[in-house]
Amino acid sequence: MVISRDDYLYFAGRALDGMAGIVAELGDDLANVRPLPGANSAYALLTHCLGVVGYWAGALVSGREVTRDRAAEFTASGPVALLLARVEAAREQLAADVLAADPDAPLHAVPVSSFQGPARGLTRGGALFHVYEELAQHHGQMEILRDAIRAGARS
């Protein structure tokens, strides 16, 4: 890996913590709000990110069997407490997957093309960087969503 495993987990954890913090701050009602037609809710985005972590780090890097319904991730809703518990479990599993990964090894499977991953072959280290890419991208998106939801709640 280009960076240490510890540094990778620090930055991936910051993105996960940031998203979890936003969902917790919004609470059950606002975390499930879609501020614009076609937009995602914060709850759905965090659910999607957990799907990304589970599939890319779990299935492709670590070789676990993972069942994923990517489309359902974007329509997910529910109580924040349950989602936050899933975040903690995903963080622990991601740490174990990263610590055990051989970053130069090939993936355990070819990524599903509809999951919109990078348009090139990846090593396990590359797949882990894709996980971070998704977490960082969606954390920023969620910050904007939170601001739009808060602005709409004040109107």
C-alpha atoms as a PDB file:
ATOM      1  CA  MET A   1       0.000   0.000   0.000  1.00  0.00           C
ATOM      2  CA  VAL A   2       1.106   3.551  -0.613  1.00  0.00           C
ATOM      3  CA  ILE A   3       0.062   4.515   2.913  1.00  0.00           C
ATOM      4  CA  SER A   4       0.152   2.520   6.096  1.00  0.00           C
ATOM      5  CA  ARG A   5      -2.820   0.423   7.081  1.00  0.00           C
ATOM      6  CA  ASP A   6      -3.168   2.572  10.196  1.00  0.00           C
ATOM      7  CA  ASP A   7      -3.323   5.772   8.128  1.00  0.00           C
ATOM      8  CA  TYR A   8      -5.835   4.195   5.743  1.00  0.00           C
ATOM      9  CA  LEU A   9      -8.097   3.171   8.619  1.00  0.00           C
ATOM     10  CA  TYR A  10      -7.764   6.621  10.187  1.00  0.00           C
ATOM     11  CA  PHE A  11      -8.965   8.412   7.047  1.00  0.00           C
ATOM     12  CA  ALA A  12     -11.646   5.865   6.179  1.00  0.00           C
ATOM     13  CA  GLY A  13     -12.809   6.049   9.799  1.00  0.00           C
ATOM     14  CA  ARG A  14     -12.981   9.853   9.663  1.00  0.00           C
ATOM     15  CA  ALA A  15     -15.295   9.652   6.669  1.00  0.00           C
ATOM     16  CA  LEU A  16     -17.490   6.985   8.298  1.00  0.00           C
ATOM     17  CA  ASP A  17     -17.557   8.911  11.583  1.00  0.00           C
ATOM     18  CA  GLY A  18     -18.454  12.105   9.748  1.00  0.00           C
ATOM     19  CA  MET A  19     -21.381  10.457   7.996  1.00  0.00           C
ATOM     20  CA  ALA A  20     -22.522   8.722  11.177  1.00  0.00           C
ATOM     21  CA  GLY A  21     -22.334  12.044  13.014  1.00  0.00           C
ATOM     22  CA  ILE A  22     -24.506  13.736  10.400  1.00  0.00           C
ATOM     23  CA  VAL A  23     -27.110  10.990  10.542  1.00  0.00           C
ATOM     24  CA  ALA A  24     -27.099  11.113  14.363  1.00  0.00           C
ATOM     25  CA  GLU A  25     -27.386  14.916  14.321  1.00  0.00           C
ATOM     26  CA  LEU A  26     -30.336  14.799  11.922  1.00  0.00           C
ATOM     27  CA  GLY A  27     -32.151  12.133  13.940  1.00  0.00           C
ATOM     28  CA  ASP A  28     -34.767   9.656  12.795  1.00  0.00           C
ATOM     29  CA  ASP A  29     -37.021  12.103  10.976  1.00  0.00           C
ATOM     30  CA  LEU A  30     -34.546  14.353   9.158  1.00  0.00           C
ATOM     31  CA  ALA A  31     -32.000  11.599   8.354  1.00  0.00           C
ATOM     32  CA  ASN A  32     -34.680  10.004   6.158  1.00  0.00           C
ATOM     33  CA  VAL A  33     -35.590  13.223   4.300  1.00  0.00           C
ATOM     34  CA  ARG A  34     -34.778  13.628   0.614  1.00  0.00           C
ATOM     35  CA  PRO A  35     -34.326  17.393   0.245  1.00  0.00           C
ATOM     36  CA  LEU A  36     -34.867  17.488  -3.528  1.00  0.00           C
ATOM     37  CA  PRO A  37     -36.620  15.248  -6.032  1.00  0.00           C
ATOM     38  CA  GLY A  38     -34.193  12.508  -7.000  1.00  0.00           C
ATOM     39  CA  ALA A  39     -31.807  13.274  -4.125  1.00  0.00           C
ATOM     40  CA  ASN A  40     -30.741  10.702  -1.581  1.00  0.00           C
ATOM     41  CA  SER A  41     -31.405  10.903   2.118  1.00  0.00           C
ATOM     42  CA  ALA A  42     -28.480  10.901   4.539  1.00  0.00           C
ATOM     43  CA  TYR A  43     -29.754   7.538   5.820  1.00  0.00           C
ATOM     44  CA  ALA A  44     -29.714   6.074   2.305  1.00  0.00           C
ATOM     45  CA  LEU A  45     -26.232   7.408   1.539  1.00  0.00           C
ATOM     46  CA  LEU A  46     -24.791   5.920   4.696  1.00  0.00           C
ATOM     47  CA  THR A  47     -26.542   2.631   3.930  1.00  0.00           C
ATOM     48  CA  HIS A  48     -24.985   2.736   0.456  1.00  0.00           C
ATOM     49  CA  CYS A  49     -21.539   3.341   1.954  1.00  0.00           C
ATOM     50  CA  LEU A  50     -21.953   0.317   4.204  1.00  0.00           C
ATOM     51  CA  GLY A  51     -22.822  -1.670   1.084  1.00  0.00           C
ATOM     52  CA  VAL A  52     -19.663  -0.391  -0.610  1.00  0.00           C
ATOM     53  CA  VAL A  53     -17.508  -1.358   2.378  1.00  0.00           C
ATOM     54  CA  GLY A  54     -19.125  -4.769   2.697  1.00  0.00           C
ATOM     55  CA  TYR A  55     -18.840  -5.643  -0.975  1.00  0.00           C
ATOM     56  CA  TRP A  56     -15.490  -4.157  -1.985  1.00  0.00           C
ATOM     57  CA  ALA A  57     -13.557  -4.903   1.231  1.00  0.00           C
ATOM     58  CA  GLY A  58     -15.519  -7.972   2.278  1.00  0.00           C
ATOM     59  CA  ALA A  59     -16.149  -9.832  -0.945  1.00  0.00           C
ATOM     60  CA  LEU A  60     -13.461  -8.604  -3.309  1.00  0.00           C
ATOM     61  CA  VAL A  61     -10.583  -8.037  -0.875  1.00  0.00           C
ATOM     62  CA  SER A  62     -11.292 -10.642   1.809  1.00  0.00           C
ATOM     63  CA  GLY A  63     -13.233 -13.237  -0.174  1.00  0.00           C
ATOM     64  CA  ARG A  64     -16.343 -13.388   2.021  1.00  0.00           C
ATOM     65  CA  GLU A  65     -19.678 -14.140   0.433  1.00  0.00           C
ATOM     66  CA  VAL A  66     -21.613 -10.863   0.367  1.00  0.00           C
ATOM     67  CA  THR A  67     -25.144 -10.369  -0.864  1.00  0.00           C
ATOM     68  CA  ARG A  68     -25.761  -6.788  -1.917  1.00  0.00           C
ATOM     69  CA  ASP A  69     -28.820  -5.008  -3.303  1.00  0.00           C
ATOM     70  CA  ARG A  70     -27.225  -1.756  -4.450  1.00  0.00           C
ATOM     71  CA  ALA A  71     -30.495  -0.251  -5.701  1.00  0.00           C
ATOM     72  CA  ALA A  72     -32.180  -0.862  -2.327  1.00  0.00           C
ATOM     73  CA  GLU A  73     -29.363   0.976  -0.550  1.00  0.00           C
ATOM     74  CA  PHE A  74     -30.563   4.238  -2.114  1.00  0.00           C
ATOM     75  CA  THR A  75     -34.145   3.770  -0.915  1.00  0.00           C
ATOM     76  CA  ALA A  76     -33.278   2.582   2.593  1.00  0.00           C
ATOM     77  CA  SER A  77     -34.862   4.307   5.571  1.00  0.00           C
ATOM     78  CA  GLY A  78     -35.315   3.539   9.214  1.00  0.00           C
ATOM     79  CA  PRO A  79     -34.238   4.334  12.748  1.00  0.00           C
ATOM     80  CA  VAL A  80     -30.853   6.001  13.126  1.00  0.00           C
ATOM     81  CA  ALA A  81     -29.772   3.893  16.124  1.00  0.00           C
ATOM     82  CA  LEU A  82     -29.866   0.678  14.098  1.00  0.00           C
ATOM     83  CA  LEU A  83     -27.870   2.240  11.271  1.00  0.00           C
ATOM     84  CA  LEU A  84     -25.254   3.589  13.678  1.00  0.00           C
ATOM     85  CA  ALA A  85     -24.831   0.103  15.148  1.00  0.00           C
ATOM     86  CA  ARG A  86     -24.244  -1.211  11.635  1.00  0.00           C
ATOM     87  CA  VAL A  87     -21.594   1.487  11.110  1.00  0.00           C
ATOM     88  CA  GLU A  88     -19.687   0.319  14.188  1.00  0.00           C
ATOM     89  CA  ALA A  89     -19.798  -3.295  13.044  1.00  0.00           C
ATOM     90  CA  ALA A  90     -18.667  -2.278   9.542  1.00  0.00           C
ATOM     91  CA  ARG A  91     -15.750  -0.264  10.954  1.00  0.00           C
ATOM     92  CA  GLU A  92     -14.560  -3.253  12.954  1.00  0.00           C
ATOM     93  CA  GLN A  93     -14.857  -5.575   9.969  1.00  0.00           C
ATOM     94  CA  LEU A  94     -13.119  -3.069   7.672  1.00  0.00           C
ATOM     95  CA  ALA A  95     -10.206  -2.880  10.118  1.00  0.00           C
ATOM     96  CA  ALA A  96      -9.882  -6.660  10.135  1.00  0.00           C
ATOM     97  CA  ASP A  97     -10.105  -6.791   6.331  1.00  0.00           C
ATOM     98  CA  VAL A  98      -7.484  -4.067   5.855  1.00  0.00           C
ATOM     99  CA  LEU A  99      -5.087  -5.592   8.379  1.00  0.00           C
ATOM    100  CA  ALA A 100      -5.316  -9.007   6.688  1.00  0.00           C
ATOM    101  CA  ALA A 101      -5.213  -7.760   3.080  1.00  0.00           C
ATOM    102  CA  ASP A 102      -2.370  -8.406   0.669  1.00  0.00           C
ATOM    103  CA  PRO A 103      -2.599  -5.115  -1.253  1.00  0.00           C
ATOM    104  CA  ASP A 104      -0.801  -6.465  -4.335  1.00  0.00           C
ATOM    105  CA  ALA A 105      -2.946  -9.580  -4.697  1.00  0.00           C
ATOM    106  CA  PRO A 106      -5.712  -9.851  -7.292  1.00  0.00           C
ATOM    107  CA  LEU A 107      -9.318  -9.453  -6.254  1.00  0.00           C
ATOM    108  CA  HIS A 108     -11.224 -12.564  -5.213  1.00  0.00           C
ATOM    109  CA  ALA A 109     -13.761 -11.898  -7.981  1.00  0.00           C
ATOM    110  CA  VAL A 110     -14.467  -9.549 -10.858  1.00  0.00           C
ATOM    111  CA  PRO A 111     -16.533  -6.592  -9.597  1.00  0.00           C
ATOM    112  CA  VAL A 112     -20.151  -6.503 -10.695  1.00  0.00           C
ATOM    113  CA  SER A 113     -20.203  -3.933 -13.517  1.00  0.00           C
ATOM    114  CA  SER A 114     -23.483  -2.381 -12.377  1.00  0.00           C
ATOM    115  CA  PHE A 115     -21.806  -1.437  -9.068  1.00  0.00           C
ATOM    116  CA  GLN A 116     -19.998   1.344 -10.958  1.00  0.00           C
ATOM    117  CA  GLY A 117     -16.487   0.729  -9.748  1.00  0.00           C
ATOM    118  CA  PRO A 118     -13.312   1.941 -11.436  1.00  0.00           C
ATOM    119  CA  ALA A 119     -13.079   1.219 -15.163  1.00  0.00           C
ATOM    120  CA  ARG A 120      -9.890  -0.813 -14.847  1.00  0.00           C
ATOM    121  CA  GLY A 121      -8.627  -3.927 -13.173  1.00  0.00           C
ATOM    122  CA  LEU A 122      -7.738  -3.521  -9.517  1.00  0.00           C
ATOM    123  CA  THR A 123      -5.582  -5.171  -6.926  1.00  0.00           C
ATOM    124  CA  ARG A 124      -6.926  -5.627  -3.411  1.00  0.00           C
ATOM    125  CA  GLY A 125      -5.129  -2.414  -2.455  1.00  0.00           C
ATOM    126  CA  GLY A 126      -6.840  -0.652  -5.364  1.00  0.00           C
ATOM    127  CA  ALA A 127     -10.222  -1.917  -4.188  1.00  0.00           C
ATOM    128  CA  LEU A 128      -9.519  -0.559  -0.711  1.00  0.00           C
ATOM    129  CA  PHE A 129      -8.668   2.827  -2.196  1.00  0.00           C
ATOM    130  CA  HIS A 130     -11.969   2.677  -4.058  1.00  0.00           C
ATOM    131  CA  VAL A 131     -13.696   2.124  -0.718  1.00  0.00           C
ATOM    132  CA  TYR A 132     -12.015   5.249   0.641  1.00  0.00           C
ATOM    133  CA  GLU A 133     -12.899   7.166  -2.542  1.00  0.00           C
ATOM    134  CA  GLU A 134     -16.572   6.314  -2.072  1.00  0.00           C
ATOM    135  CA  LEU A 135     -16.548   7.145   1.638  1.00  0.00           C
ATOM    136  CA  ALA A 136     -14.887  10.522   1.122  1.00  0.00           C
ATOM    137  CA  GLN A 137     -17.102  11.421  -1.839  1.00  0.00           C
ATOM    138  CA  HIS A 138     -20.327  10.547  -0.068  1.00  0.00           C
ATOM    139  CA  HIS A 139     -19.248  12.222   3.171  1.00  0.00           C
ATOM    140  CA  GLY A 140     -18.958  15.508   1.266  1.00  0.00           C
ATOM    141  CA  GLN A 141     -22.268  14.882  -0.464  1.00  0.00           C
ATOM    142  CA  MET A 142     -23.888  14.187   2.897  1.00  0.00           C
ATOM    143  CA  GLU A 143     -22.590  17.472   4.323  1.00  0.00           C
ATOM    144  CA  ILE A 144     -24.391  19.300   1.518  1.00  0.00           C
ATOM    145  CA  LEU A 145     -27.529  17.197   2.038  1.00  0.00           C
ATOM    146  CA  ARG A 146     -27.488  18.007   5.764  1.00  0.00           C
ATOM    147  CA  ASP A 147     -27.258  21.725   5.015  1.00  0.00           C
ATOM    148  CA  ALA A 148     -30.123  21.531   2.518  1.00  0.00           C
ATOM    149  CA  ILE A 149     -32.268  19.514   4.937  1.00  0.00           C
ATOM    150  CA  ARG A 150     -31.564  21.931   7.790  1.00  0.00           C
ATOM    151  CA  ALA A 151     -32.399  24.919   5.573  1.00  0.00           C
ATOM    152  CA  GLY A 152     -35.654  23.260   4.508  1.00  0.00           C
ATOM    153  CA  ALA A 153     -36.559  22.429   8.114  1.00  0.00           C
ATOM    154  CA  ARG A 154     -36.183  26.109   9.078  1.00  0.00           C
ATOM    155  CA  SER A 155     -38.417  27.354   6.230  1.00  0.00           C
END
